[in-house]
Amino acid sequence: MKGVFFLLTVAASWPLLSRTAEAQKLPLTAPVPEPVLAPVARPAAPVRTVNVLIVALDDETTIPQSVPSGDGPPLTAAPPIAPDIPLTAITPARFNGMIPEWRAYAAKKPKPTPTPDARFFAIPAPPSTAPLVSGGRNSPPAQVGGGVNPLDNMPPVPLPLPPRSFTPTGRAMLAALPLAHALTALGYADVQATAPDGGPITRALGERRLPLSTLATLRDSLKSLQGATKLPEALRKTSINVATKRAANAAAAVGQATGYRAVVALYVGSFADGTSPYAVVLGDSANETGEPLLWSETAANEAAARETGATSGAALLNKSLEMWPAAPASLRPLADVHIERARAAGTAGNLDVVRDEVTRALALDSSRTDAYILLGDFLAPTDLIGAAAAYKRAVDLNSKDGKTYEKMAVAYANAPTPDWTRTLEAGKKALAAGTDTASLRIAMARAYFGRADVFRRNVNLGYRADDAEAEAQIQLDRALQLSPDNPDALRLLARSLMSSGRVTEAVQTLDRVMPLFPKDIDLQGQYAQALMSLGDRKEATFSAYSKLWKLSANTTPQVDPVSYAALVEGFDEHVFALGKSARLLSDGVATGSIARESAFLQLARLKEDMSDAEDTISTLIVPTGFSATAATARQFAATLMNQALEAHQTFLDTGQVLYRGRAAELYRQAVAQLNMARNAK
């Protein structure tokens, strides 16, 4: 008790003693507190700035074959990318003598337990050990699970969901998921595993940022890379380089379209003999470089091989990613490279490569209006609707580009199924932007004429047809003012003149246009109908219909009786004129007034016309009520006149007068047959 009291006394007087000791500077000894063990500072996992997209590809992978329709440029499956695309940073030296690297290549470290991340897969909750129960709040107790009564507040049983189709997960996707976790554990904050039909890639396809051919190219290249390891050493290196180049280029395209710099293209072979082979190409989409990684995992079963394979793959990928340079400040120079490749492919006529390269350029720099315009220009000769869609994307980015609005209007107007409304919308915007050309005015005139036709076919809108034609005439007059000899404008002018009953002026206009478009079927038909309506140029009418049926490959032409009468009369005049022209050529050569070479060329053209006339009259169906004798006589006259021209040709070729006389006799007999046909009842 005495000792206790002493301690209490000392404790109570300790502050005073302390102050006294401090004043006198006397040494004092105080109780030393128990030392506390400081926590050891563990280094935090480094935060990786490179985002990683793992694309799982194997034989079970579904490669999309189409993309949703929309206003974007159409994308179709194209051939694989050619292996001559320049690519750098392929490092085959990473292989030990071109032998696949094994798991021992990567330094093994204890694999930390990853934090569950809903981006990859959810860890399922352990199964409940509670007994099964049934019934609800108001249900009578039921003895189940060893005599345990159901809970009174049990929630109602949910309705069963409708069944849905289920596609088994492929080997590559099963391996990609633990690989994504392993990379996350190494500090990579943005890691996503996907299949070709997964969200990031399907969105890129639907938004026209990824060529359809890329995914098939990527999978085929990885399969080739896997197979190259089994080739003889003399072929192995070249095969690996080629496969890596194609795969890295495709992986870069995927990364550019999805916004990921690192793309891990993963292919996993089948698990056989306790081994699972891995083929990976790591692509850098910011620099369009890539390198291959090959290794194998030996394990008791495929699930264990996937776990160890993820650790090996993460270590190998991390080693490469740590050596990557910083991404370029701007991707526009890389987009310029793809634009130039697109131009070169367009010059070579490879539209599929043009489409893919333009898509790559737009994935890198979506503000490139020149890329959309370039694609539209290359699509225009074969796909006007696709071209119009590309031009629309360009003007969506630059609403003041009148020239592109003009191209869009022309494309809509000239498409196989014209869109008159969009033609006029684009045309008006082009005019508002200061663009006024003959081609634009012609497109707008066609649109107004087309609207007039639509209005006339609708009983309730017929009153608007005249107004539409008046607008069309205004546009056409402006086009002819800008370009008086424009053949398309003259063609439209002829249509306008025909519809207004000014047939003579329409034929005169078409006379100017026809030599410019000798193989235009629609124009030839318009010309033939105009001549038939005119009525006083029967020979020209027959010639026009003969050319029309030849262009359209019509082997059984048939017309109404009135037109037939006009055509056979034109045939008579045509055959007579051809024979007379051939005789004048022979006479000119005989007298020396025409050069033999010139006469020979002219006669060849006459003979071609005569052969066409003979074919036409032989196949033209004779309407009921016309003499069959007259038809036979005309066919015989055509044969005789053709022989006469051959005799003239032989005379010009040999100079023998005998053939000239024979030609004259055949000509006389042909004319006699024509007169017989004209007099037949």
Foldseek 3Di string as FASTA:
>chain_A
DVVVVVVVVCVVCVVVVVVVCVVVVPDDDDDDDDDDDDDDDDDDQDADPAAEEEAFDEPLFDQDQAADDDLAFGFGADDADDLPDDADDADCVVDPLLAADALVVFDDDDQDDFDDDVQQPGDDDDDDPDWDADDELPDDWDQGDPGDTDDNHDDDDDDDDDDDDDRDDDLRSLLVRLLQRSLVSNNHPHYHYDYCPDDLNSVLRNVLLAHSNLNVQLNVLQVQLVVLNVDPSVCSVVSNVSSLLSNQQSQLSSCLSRVGQWYWYWYWDDQDPQKIKIWIWIHGNLRSHIYIHIYMFGDPDSNVSSNSVSSSVSSVVVVVVVPDDDRDPASQVVLVVLCVVLVVCLVVVNLNSNSRSLSSSCSRPVLPLVSLQSNLVSCQVPALSSSLSSLVSSCVSPVLPLVSLLSNLLSQQPGPPHDLVSNVVSLVSSVVSPDDALSSLLSNLSSLQVVLVVQCVDPVRNVCNVVSNVSSVVSLVSSCVRPVLDLSSLLVVLVSCVVVPVLVVSLVSLVSNCVVCVLDLVSLVSNLVSCVVVPPQLLVNLLSVLSNCVSVVPQADEDDPVVVVSNLVSLLVLLLVLLVVLLVLLVCVVVVNDDLVVSLVVLVVSLVSLVSSLSCLVRYDDDPPADPLLSVLLNVLSVLSSVLSVLSNVCSVPVDCVSSVVSVVSSVSSNVSNVVSVPDD
